[in-house]
Amino acid sequence: MAEFKENLLDWLRDAHAMEQQAETMLKGQASRIEHYPVLKARIEEHIQETIGQRELLEGCIKRLGGSPSTLKDVMGKMAAFGQAVGGMTASDEIVKGAMAGYVFEHFEIASYTALIAAAKTAGDAETARVCEEILVQEEAMADWLAAHLPEITEEFMVRDATPGVEAKK
């Protein structure tokens, strides 16, 4: 059983770092959005969900006698910063950012799906419950992005084709 707990703790630390990365990435993206208020509002809502998710994960980690990994958290933030810098240089940043968000949400969905299975295997019903709660939020964000990506793309294209109108962000 010790191996089960160690694997679960390690993966919870990974998820915590992933949420740190998501928070940094989403805050950076939201701060640059000027002309897409519906997307900006949904991202800002998901930032609050992400902060709550990170706090829930910290509770699970502490309950299991561990602590978040500072190194993993820092690496996640650095990855988010690099992604933000790369996105800022793209002329179609808004579309690429929405696409990247969709992909990242699916990475999170996969992570929480694995964590739920790990928690159940380790006999940790509370961690499984927390991860199931978070999974619902990640699936909702992925679904929202999938539903709105065509609209965001169309709006970008119209703005980009209109002289004197900024489309990028």
C-alpha atoms as a PDB file:
ATOM      1  CA  MET A   1       0.000   0.000   0.000  1.00  0.00           C
ATOM      2  CA  ALA A   2       2.942   2.348   0.545  1.00  0.00           C
ATOM      3  CA  GLU A   3       3.626   2.336  -3.216  1.00  0.00           C
ATOM      4  CA  PHE A   4      -0.005   3.250  -3.904  1.00  0.00           C
ATOM      5  CA  LYS A   5       0.215   6.248  -1.585  1.00  0.00           C
ATOM      6  CA  GLU A   6       3.574   7.387  -2.987  1.00  0.00           C
ATOM      7  CA  ASN A   7       2.337   7.206  -6.578  1.00  0.00           C
ATOM      8  CA  LEU A   8      -0.862   9.011  -5.656  1.00  0.00           C
ATOM      9  CA  LEU A   9       1.070  11.742  -3.811  1.00  0.00           C
ATOM     10  CA  ASP A  10       3.474  12.178  -6.715  1.00  0.00           C
ATOM     11  CA  TRP A  11       0.622  12.491  -9.205  1.00  0.00           C
ATOM     12  CA  LEU A  12      -1.243  14.897  -6.927  1.00  0.00           C
ATOM     13  CA  ARG A  13       1.901  17.043  -6.843  1.00  0.00           C
ATOM     14  CA  ASP A  14       1.993  16.887 -10.658  1.00  0.00           C
ATOM     15  CA  ALA A  15      -1.642  17.994 -10.796  1.00  0.00           C
ATOM     16  CA  HIS A  16      -0.928  20.824  -8.355  1.00  0.00           C
ATOM     17  CA  ALA A  17       1.906  22.036 -10.609  1.00  0.00           C
ATOM     18  CA  MET A  18      -0.375  21.649 -13.631  1.00  0.00           C
ATOM     19  CA  GLU A  19      -2.953  23.911 -11.962  1.00  0.00           C
ATOM     20  CA  GLN A  20      -0.213  26.434 -11.118  1.00  0.00           C
ATOM     21  CA  GLN A  21       0.715  26.390 -14.804  1.00  0.00           C
ATOM     22  CA  ALA A  22      -2.924  26.749 -15.843  1.00  0.00           C
ATOM     23  CA  GLU A  23      -3.469  29.681 -13.482  1.00  0.00           C
ATOM     24  CA  THR A  24      -0.404  31.524 -14.790  1.00  0.00           C
ATOM     25  CA  MET A  25      -1.309  30.787 -18.398  1.00  0.00           C
ATOM     26  CA  LEU A  26      -4.963  31.824 -17.995  1.00  0.00           C
ATOM     27  CA  LYS A  27      -4.149  35.029 -16.115  1.00  0.00           C
ATOM     28  CA  GLY A  28      -1.669  36.028 -18.814  1.00  0.00           C
ATOM     29  CA  GLN A  29      -4.138  35.271 -21.571  1.00  0.00           C
ATOM     30  CA  ALA A  30      -7.011  37.105 -19.862  1.00  0.00           C
ATOM     31  CA  SER A  31      -4.847  40.184 -19.277  1.00  0.00           C
ATOM     32  CA  ARG A  32      -4.141  40.499 -23.002  1.00  0.00           C
ATOM     33  CA  ILE A  33      -7.683  39.961 -24.328  1.00  0.00           C
ATOM     34  CA  GLU A  34      -9.234  43.244 -25.408  1.00  0.00           C
ATOM     35  CA  HIS A  35     -11.796  42.531 -28.119  1.00  0.00           C
ATOM     36  CA  TYR A  36     -13.324  39.174 -27.188  1.00  0.00           C
ATOM     37  CA  PRO A  37     -15.340  39.826 -23.998  1.00  0.00           C
ATOM     38  CA  VAL A  38     -17.190  36.491 -23.934  1.00  0.00           C
ATOM     39  CA  LEU A  39     -13.924  34.528 -24.065  1.00  0.00           C
ATOM     40  CA  LYS A  40     -12.305  36.820 -21.503  1.00  0.00           C
ATOM     41  CA  ALA A  41     -15.217  36.373 -19.090  1.00  0.00           C
ATOM     42  CA  ARG A  42     -15.126  32.570 -19.378  1.00  0.00           C
ATOM     43  CA  ILE A  43     -11.362  32.508 -18.867  1.00  0.00           C
ATOM     44  CA  GLU A  44     -11.695  34.721 -15.785  1.00  0.00           C
ATOM     45  CA  GLU A  45     -14.361  32.367 -14.430  1.00  0.00           C
ATOM     46  CA  HIS A  46     -12.058  29.401 -15.047  1.00  0.00           C
ATOM     47  CA  ILE A  47      -9.198  31.180 -13.274  1.00  0.00           C
ATOM     48  CA  GLN A  48     -11.320  31.156 -10.111  1.00  0.00           C
ATOM     49  CA  GLU A  49     -12.132  27.476 -10.648  1.00  0.00           C
ATOM     50  CA  THR A  50      -8.419  26.766 -11.165  1.00  0.00           C
ATOM     51  CA  ILE A  51      -7.471  28.496  -7.910  1.00  0.00           C
ATOM     52  CA  GLY A  52     -10.098  26.412  -6.117  1.00  0.00           C
ATOM     53  CA  GLN A  53      -8.799  23.250  -7.783  1.00  0.00           C
ATOM     54  CA  ARG A  54      -5.252  23.997  -6.662  1.00  0.00           C
ATOM     55  CA  GLU A  55      -6.493  24.522  -3.092  1.00  0.00           C
ATOM     56  CA  LEU A  56      -8.446  21.242  -3.170  1.00  0.00           C
ATOM     57  CA  LEU A  57      -5.338  19.416  -4.373  1.00  0.00           C
ATOM     58  CA  GLU A  58      -3.260  20.995  -1.585  1.00  0.00           C
ATOM     59  CA  GLY A  59      -5.812  19.643   0.891  1.00  0.00           C
ATOM     60  CA  CYS A  60      -5.492  16.130  -0.542  1.00  0.00           C
ATOM     61  CA  ILE A  61      -1.701  16.301  -0.517  1.00  0.00           C
ATOM     62  CA  LYS A  62      -1.597  17.514   3.102  1.00  0.00           C
ATOM     63  CA  ARG A  63      -4.180  14.953   4.211  1.00  0.00           C
ATOM     64  CA  LEU A  64      -1.884  12.248   2.818  1.00  0.00           C
ATOM     65  CA  GLY A  65       1.054  13.675   4.794  1.00  0.00           C
ATOM     66  CA  GLY A  66       2.810  15.387   1.895  1.00  0.00           C
ATOM     67  CA  SER A  67       3.398  18.872   0.616  1.00  0.00           C
ATOM     68  CA  PRO A  68       3.295  20.368  -2.885  1.00  0.00           C
ATOM     69  CA  SER A  69       6.517  20.200  -4.888  1.00  0.00           C
ATOM     70  CA  THR A  70       8.057  23.651  -5.125  1.00  0.00           C
ATOM     71  CA  LEU A  71      10.237  22.513  -8.026  1.00  0.00           C
ATOM     72  CA  LYS A  72       7.283  21.143 -10.006  1.00  0.00           C
ATOM     73  CA  ASP A  73       5.248  24.291  -9.287  1.00  0.00           C
ATOM     74  CA  VAL A  74       8.070  26.559 -10.472  1.00  0.00           C
ATOM     75  CA  MET A  75       8.592  24.466 -13.607  1.00  0.00           C
ATOM     76  CA  GLY A  76       4.867  24.693 -14.367  1.00  0.00           C
ATOM     77  CA  LYS A  77       4.921  28.463 -14.027  1.00  0.00           C
ATOM     78  CA  MET A  78       7.993  28.701 -16.243  1.00  0.00           C
ATOM     79  CA  ALA A  79       6.303  26.570 -18.911  1.00  0.00           C
ATOM     80  CA  ALA A  80       3.251  28.844 -18.785  1.00  0.00           C
ATOM     81  CA  PHE A  81       5.454  31.933 -19.127  1.00  0.00           C
ATOM     82  CA  GLY A  82       7.208  30.461 -22.170  1.00  0.00           C
ATOM     83  CA  GLN A  83       3.874  29.597 -23.720  1.00  0.00           C
ATOM     84  CA  ALA A  84       2.578  33.125 -23.104  1.00  0.00           C
ATOM     85  CA  VAL A  85       5.639  34.755 -24.661  1.00  0.00           C
ATOM     86  CA  GLY A  86       5.323  32.515 -27.715  1.00  0.00           C
ATOM     87  CA  GLY A  87       1.631  33.341 -28.089  1.00  0.00           C
ATOM     88  CA  MET A  88       2.133  37.087 -27.824  1.00  0.00           C
ATOM     89  CA  THR A  89       4.165  37.112 -31.029  1.00  0.00           C
ATOM     90  CA  ALA A  90       1.494  35.380 -33.117  1.00  0.00           C
ATOM     91  CA  SER A  91      -0.728  37.612 -35.233  1.00  0.00           C
ATOM     92  CA  ASP A  92      -3.611  35.236 -34.515  1.00  0.00           C
ATOM     93  CA  GLU A  93      -2.935  34.953 -30.785  1.00  0.00           C
ATOM     94  CA  ILE A  94      -6.616  34.774 -29.830  1.00  0.00           C
ATOM     95  CA  VAL A  95      -7.307  31.724 -32.018  1.00  0.00           C
ATOM     96  CA  LYS A  96      -4.079  29.942 -31.106  1.00  0.00           C
ATOM     97  CA  GLY A  97      -4.685  30.690 -27.434  1.00  0.00           C
ATOM     98  CA  ALA A  98      -8.181  29.204 -27.580  1.00  0.00           C
ATOM     99  CA  MET A  99      -6.823  26.128 -29.363  1.00  0.00           C
ATOM    100  CA  ALA A 100      -4.010  25.749 -26.817  1.00  0.00           C
ATOM    101  CA  GLY A 101      -6.532  26.108 -24.010  1.00  0.00           C
ATOM    102  CA  TYR A 102      -8.654  23.338 -25.503  1.00  0.00           C
ATOM    103  CA  VAL A 103      -5.640  21.028 -25.734  1.00  0.00           C
ATOM    104  CA  PHE A 104      -4.533  21.879 -22.181  1.00  0.00           C
ATOM    105  CA  GLU A 105      -8.032  21.173 -20.826  1.00  0.00           C
ATOM    106  CA  HIS A 106      -7.852  17.711 -22.362  1.00  0.00           C
ATOM    107  CA  PHE A 107      -4.469  17.124 -20.744  1.00  0.00           C
ATOM    108  CA  GLU A 108      -6.074  18.058 -17.427  1.00  0.00           C
ATOM    109  CA  ILE A 109      -9.021  15.743 -18.137  1.00  0.00           C
ATOM    110  CA  ALA A 110      -6.614  12.862 -18.755  1.00  0.00           C
ATOM    111  CA  SER A 111      -4.685  13.705 -15.577  1.00  0.00           C
ATOM    112  CA  TYR A 112      -7.794  13.731 -13.387  1.00  0.00           C
ATOM    113  CA  THR A 113      -9.116  10.553 -14.988  1.00  0.00           C
ATOM    114  CA  ALA A 114      -5.862   8.814 -14.032  1.00  0.00           C
ATOM    115  CA  LEU A 115      -5.888  10.375 -10.557  1.00  0.00           C
ATOM    116  CA  ILE A 116      -9.420   9.120  -9.900  1.00  0.00           C
ATOM    117  CA  ALA A 117      -8.368   5.580 -10.820  1.00  0.00           C
ATOM    118  CA  ALA A 118      -5.221   5.870  -8.679  1.00  0.00           C
ATOM    119  CA  ALA A 119      -7.150   7.208  -5.688  1.00  0.00           C
ATOM    120  CA  LYS A 120      -9.713   4.418  -5.946  1.00  0.00           C
ATOM    121  CA  THR A 121      -6.957   1.794  -6.237  1.00  0.00           C
ATOM    122  CA  ALA A 122      -5.258   3.288  -3.170  1.00  0.00           C
ATOM    123  CA  GLY A 123      -8.554   3.246  -1.261  1.00  0.00           C
ATOM    124  CA  ASP A 124      -8.660   7.042  -0.954  1.00  0.00           C
ATOM    125  CA  ALA A 125     -12.320   7.875  -1.515  1.00  0.00           C
ATOM    126  CA  GLU A 126     -11.877  11.553  -0.561  1.00  0.00           C
ATOM    127  CA  THR A 127      -9.167  12.192  -3.156  1.00  0.00           C
ATOM    128  CA  ALA A 128     -11.258  10.354  -5.762  1.00  0.00           C
ATOM    129  CA  ARG A 129     -14.241  12.581  -4.891  1.00  0.00           C
ATOM    130  CA  VAL A 130     -12.157  15.759  -5.124  1.00  0.00           C
ATOM    131  CA  CYS A 131     -10.689  14.735  -8.476  1.00  0.00           C
ATOM    132  CA  GLU A 132     -14.150  13.842  -9.801  1.00  0.00           C
ATOM    133  CA  GLU A 133     -15.338  17.331  -8.787  1.00  0.00           C
ATOM    134  CA  ILE A 134     -12.398  18.951 -10.572  1.00  0.00           C
ATOM    135  CA  LEU A 135     -12.859  16.722 -13.620  1.00  0.00           C
ATOM    136  CA  VAL A 136     -16.389  18.052 -14.111  1.00  0.00           C
ATOM    137  CA  GLN A 137     -15.042  21.620 -14.219  1.00  0.00           C
ATOM    138  CA  GLU A 138     -12.285  20.732 -16.688  1.00  0.00           C
ATOM    139  CA  GLU A 139     -14.739  18.921 -18.952  1.00  0.00           C
ATOM    140  CA  ALA A 140     -17.069  21.921 -18.824  1.00  0.00           C
ATOM    141  CA  MET A 141     -14.262  24.284 -19.858  1.00  0.00           C
ATOM    142  CA  ALA A 142     -13.168  21.971 -22.690  1.00  0.00           C
ATOM    143  CA  ASP A 143     -16.778  21.719 -23.875  1.00  0.00           C
ATOM    144  CA  TRP A 144     -17.147  25.508 -23.734  1.00  0.00           C
ATOM    145  CA  LEU A 145     -14.001  26.028 -25.775  1.00  0.00           C
ATOM    146  CA  ALA A 146     -15.093  23.417 -28.328  1.00  0.00           C
ATOM    147  CA  ALA A 147     -18.478  25.091 -28.681  1.00  0.00           C
ATOM    148  CA  HIS A 148     -17.030  28.617 -28.959  1.00  0.00           C
ATOM    149  CA  LEU A 149     -13.898  28.005 -31.034  1.00  0.00           C
ATOM    150  CA  PRO A 150     -15.760  28.415 -34.357  1.00  0.00           C
ATOM    151  CA  GLU A 151     -17.284  31.703 -33.174  1.00  0.00           C
ATOM    152  CA  ILE A 152     -13.908  32.984 -31.901  1.00  0.00           C
ATOM    153  CA  THR A 153     -12.260  32.009 -35.200  1.00  0.00           C
ATOM    154  CA  GLU A 154     -14.970  33.667 -37.289  1.00  0.00           C
ATOM    155  CA  GLU A 155     -14.829  36.841 -35.210  1.00  0.00           C
ATOM    156  CA  PHE A 156     -11.040  36.934 -35.572  1.00  0.00           C
ATOM    157  CA  MET A 157     -11.248  36.493 -39.332  1.00  0.00           C
ATOM    158  CA  VAL A 158     -13.833  39.267 -39.734  1.00  0.00           C
ATOM    159  CA  ARG A 159     -11.856  41.615 -37.481  1.00  0.00           C
ATOM    160  CA  ASP A 160      -8.612  40.750 -39.301  1.00  0.00           C
ATOM    161  CA  ALA A 161     -10.190  41.516 -42.705  1.00  0.00           C
ATOM    162  CA  THR A 162     -11.556  44.873 -41.504  1.00  0.00           C
ATOM    163  CA  PRO A 163      -9.125  47.787 -42.070  1.00  0.00           C
ATOM    164  CA  GLY A 164      -8.242  49.669 -38.902  1.00  0.00           C
ATOM    165  CA  VAL A 165      -9.617  46.960 -36.569  1.00  0.00           C
ATOM    166  CA  GLU A 166      -7.315  44.948 -34.327  1.00  0.00           C
ATOM    167  CA  ALA A 167      -8.002  41.234 -34.426  1.00  0.00           C
ATOM    168  CA  LYS A 168      -5.058  39.706 -32.561  1.00  0.00           C
ATOM    169  CA  LYS A 169      -6.316  40.021 -29.023  1.00  0.00           C
END
